[in-house]
Amino acid sequence: MNSNNYIKELRGKSVSELNEELVSAKKELFNLRFQNATNQLDNTARIKDVRRNIARIQTVIVEKEA
């Protein structure tokens, strides 16, 4: 997904929806790290993508709270 489209999608959501998405992204990151540690992860670049998505979500939350 294009990052600009993803950011626009995030900005259209409420803070509670963003918090839910943040929790699910953190769970996904945990699972990816666990798979990586047990050598079951094929696409290691996905970890980087999820970390960036978490940062994007947190940025939009801070923007909405300001």
N, C-alpha and C. Protein backbone atom coordinates (compact mmCIF):
# COMPACT_ATOMS: atom_id res chain seq x y z
N MET A 1 0.85 -1.18 0.00
CA MET A 1 0.00 0.00 0.00
C MET A 1 0.89 1.24 0.00
N ASN A 2 0.48 2.21 -0.79
CA ASN A 2 1.20 3.46 -0.85
C ASN A 2 1.12 4.17 0.50
N SER A 3 2.25 4.69 0.97
CA SER A 3 2.26 5.30 2.31
C SER A 3 1.38 6.53 2.38
N ASN A 4 1.28 7.31 1.29
CA ASN A 4 0.42 8.50 1.31
C ASN A 4 -1.04 8.12 1.47
N ASN A 5 -1.46 7.07 0.78
CA ASN A 5 -2.84 6.61 0.91
C ASN A 5 -3.10 6.08 2.32
N TYR A 6 -2.11 5.39 2.88
CA TYR A 6 -2.25 4.85 4.24
C TYR A 6 -2.38 5.97 5.26
N ILE A 7 -1.59 7.03 5.09
CA ILE A 7 -1.66 8.17 6.01
C ILE A 7 -3.00 8.87 5.89
N LYS A 8 -3.50 9.03 4.68
CA LYS A 8 -4.82 9.64 4.49
C LYS A 8 -5.90 8.80 5.15
N GLU A 9 -5.77 7.49 5.02
CA GLU A 9 -6.73 6.58 5.65
C GLU A 9 -6.68 6.72 7.17
N LEU A 10 -5.47 6.84 7.71
CA LEU A 10 -5.32 6.99 9.16
C LEU A 10 -5.92 8.30 9.64
N ARG A 11 -5.72 9.36 8.90
CA ARG A 11 -6.23 10.67 9.32
C ARG A 11 -7.75 10.72 9.31
N GLY A 12 -8.39 9.81 8.57
CA GLY A 12 -9.84 9.76 8.54
C GLY A 12 -10.45 8.99 9.70
N LYS A 13 -9.61 8.38 10.52
CA LYS A 13 -10.12 7.58 11.62
C LYS A 13 -10.10 8.38 12.92
N SER A 14 -10.91 7.92 13.88
CA SER A 14 -10.94 8.57 15.19
C SER A 14 -9.76 8.07 16.03
N VAL A 15 -9.53 8.75 17.15
CA VAL A 15 -8.41 8.39 18.02
C VAL A 15 -8.59 6.98 18.58
N SER A 16 -9.81 6.61 18.93
CA SER A 16 -10.04 5.26 19.47
C SER A 16 -9.76 4.20 18.41
N GLU A 17 -10.15 4.46 17.16
CA GLU A 17 -9.85 3.52 16.09
C GLU A 17 -8.35 3.42 15.85
N LEU A 18 -7.67 4.55 15.95
CA LEU A 18 -6.22 4.55 15.78
C LEU A 18 -5.53 3.77 16.89
N ASN A 19 -6.04 3.90 18.12
CA ASN A 19 -5.47 3.14 19.23
C ASN A 19 -5.66 1.64 19.03
N GLU A 20 -6.82 1.24 18.51
CA GLU A 20 -7.05 -0.18 18.23
C GLU A 20 -6.10 -0.68 17.15
N GLU A 21 -5.90 0.14 16.12
CA GLU A 21 -4.99 -0.25 15.05
C GLU A 21 -3.55 -0.32 15.55
N LEU A 22 -3.20 0.58 16.47
CA LEU A 22 -1.87 0.58 17.06
C LEU A 22 -1.63 -0.71 17.84
N VAL A 23 -2.62 -1.13 18.61
CA VAL A 23 -2.50 -2.37 19.38
C VAL A 23 -2.33 -3.56 18.45
N SER A 24 -3.11 -3.62 17.38
CA SER A 24 -3.00 -4.76 16.47
C SER A 24 -1.66 -4.75 15.74
N ALA A 25 -1.14 -3.56 15.40
CA ALA A 25 0.16 -3.48 14.73
C ALA A 25 1.28 -3.92 15.67
N LYS A 26 1.16 -3.57 16.96
CA LYS A 26 2.18 -3.99 17.92
C LYS A 26 2.14 -5.51 18.12
N LYS A 27 0.94 -6.09 18.10
CA LYS A 27 0.82 -7.54 18.21
C LYS A 27 1.45 -8.22 16.99
N GLU A 28 1.20 -7.63 15.82
CA GLU A 28 1.78 -8.18 14.60
C GLU A 28 3.30 -8.11 14.65
N LEU A 29 3.83 -7.00 15.14
CA LEU A 29 5.28 -6.85 15.26
C LEU A 29 5.85 -7.89 16.22
N PHE A 30 5.17 -8.12 17.33
CA PHE A 30 5.62 -9.14 18.28
C PHE A 30 5.66 -10.51 17.61
N ASN A 31 4.59 -10.84 16.87
CA ASN A 31 4.54 -12.14 16.21
C ASN A 31 5.64 -12.27 15.15
N LEU A 32 5.90 -11.18 14.42
CA LEU A 32 6.96 -11.22 13.41
C LEU A 32 8.33 -11.42 14.05
N ARG A 33 8.56 -10.73 15.17
CA ARG A 33 9.84 -10.90 15.86
C ARG A 33 9.99 -12.33 16.39
N PHE A 34 8.90 -12.88 16.88
CA PHE A 34 8.92 -14.26 17.38
C PHE A 34 9.23 -15.23 16.24
N GLN A 35 8.59 -15.04 15.10
CA GLN A 35 8.85 -15.89 13.95
C GLN A 35 10.28 -15.75 13.47
N ASN A 36 10.81 -14.52 13.52
CA ASN A 36 12.18 -14.29 13.09
C ASN A 36 13.17 -15.00 14.02
N ALA A 37 12.88 -14.98 15.31
CA ALA A 37 13.76 -15.62 16.27
C ALA A 37 13.77 -17.13 16.12
N THR A 38 12.67 -17.69 15.65
CA THR A 38 12.59 -19.14 15.47
C THR A 38 12.83 -19.55 14.02
N ASN A 39 13.35 -18.63 13.23
CA ASN A 39 13.69 -18.88 11.82
C ASN A 39 12.51 -19.36 10.98
N GLN A 40 11.32 -18.83 11.27
CA GLN A 40 10.13 -19.18 10.49
C GLN A 40 9.69 -18.03 9.58
N LEU A 41 10.34 -16.88 9.69
CA LEU A 41 9.92 -15.70 8.93
C LEU A 41 10.63 -15.68 7.59
N ASP A 42 9.84 -15.61 6.51
CA ASP A 42 10.41 -15.57 5.16
C ASP A 42 10.73 -14.14 4.73
N ASN A 43 9.80 -13.23 4.99
CA ASN A 43 9.95 -11.85 4.54
C ASN A 43 10.34 -10.97 5.73
N THR A 44 11.63 -10.80 5.96
CA THR A 44 12.09 -10.01 7.11
C THR A 44 11.85 -8.52 6.91
N ALA A 45 11.62 -8.08 5.70
CA ALA A 45 11.35 -6.66 5.44
C ALA A 45 10.00 -6.25 6.02
N ARG A 46 9.15 -7.21 6.29
CA ARG A 46 7.84 -6.92 6.87
C ARG A 46 7.98 -6.29 8.25
N ILE A 47 9.02 -6.67 9.00
CA ILE A 47 9.26 -6.09 10.33
C ILE A 47 9.46 -4.59 10.19
N LYS A 48 10.25 -4.18 9.23
CA LYS A 48 10.52 -2.76 9.00
C LYS A 48 9.24 -2.02 8.61
N ASP A 49 8.43 -2.64 7.77
CA ASP A 49 7.18 -2.01 7.35
C ASP A 49 6.23 -1.81 8.53
N VAL A 50 6.12 -2.81 9.38
CA VAL A 50 5.22 -2.72 10.53
C VAL A 50 5.71 -1.66 11.50
N ARG A 51 7.02 -1.59 11.73
CA ARG A 51 7.57 -0.57 12.62
C ARG A 51 7.26 0.83 12.10
N ARG A 52 7.38 1.02 10.80
CA ARG A 52 7.07 2.32 10.21
C ARG A 52 5.59 2.64 10.30
N ASN A 53 4.75 1.62 10.13
CA ASN A 53 3.31 1.84 10.27
C ASN A 53 2.95 2.23 11.70
N ILE A 54 3.62 1.62 12.68
CA ILE A 54 3.38 1.97 14.08
C ILE A 54 3.75 3.44 14.29
N ALA A 55 4.88 3.86 13.75
CA ALA A 55 5.29 5.25 13.89
C ALA A 55 4.30 6.19 13.21
N ARG A 56 3.78 5.80 12.07
CA ARG A 56 2.78 6.63 11.36
C ARG A 56 1.52 6.76 12.21
N ILE A 57 1.07 5.66 12.77
CA ILE A 57 -0.14 5.68 13.60
C ILE A 57 0.07 6.59 14.81
N GLN A 58 1.22 6.46 15.47
CA GLN A 58 1.50 7.29 16.64
C GLN A 58 1.57 8.76 16.26
N THR A 59 2.13 9.07 15.11
CA THR A 59 2.22 10.46 14.66
C THR A 59 0.83 11.06 14.45
N VAL A 60 -0.05 10.30 13.82
CA VAL A 60 -1.41 10.80 13.56
C VAL A 60 -2.17 10.97 14.88
N ILE A 61 -1.94 10.08 15.85
CA ILE A 61 -2.59 10.21 17.15
C ILE A 61 -2.15 11.51 17.82
N VAL A 62 -0.85 11.80 17.78
CA VAL A 62 -0.33 13.03 18.39
C VAL A 62 -0.89 14.26 17.67
N GLU A 63 -1.01 14.20 16.36
CA GLU A 63 -1.57 15.32 15.60
C GLU A 63 -3.02 15.58 16.00
N LYS A 64 -3.78 14.51 16.18
CA LYS A 64 -5.20 14.68 16.54
C LYS A 64 -5.38 15.20 17.96
N GLU A 65 -4.46 14.82 18.86
CA GLU A 65 -4.58 15.27 20.25
C GLU A 65 -4.16 16.73 20.42
N ALA A 66 -3.37 17.23 19.50
CA ALA A 66 -2.89 18.61 19.62
C ALA A 66 -3.96 19.62 19.23
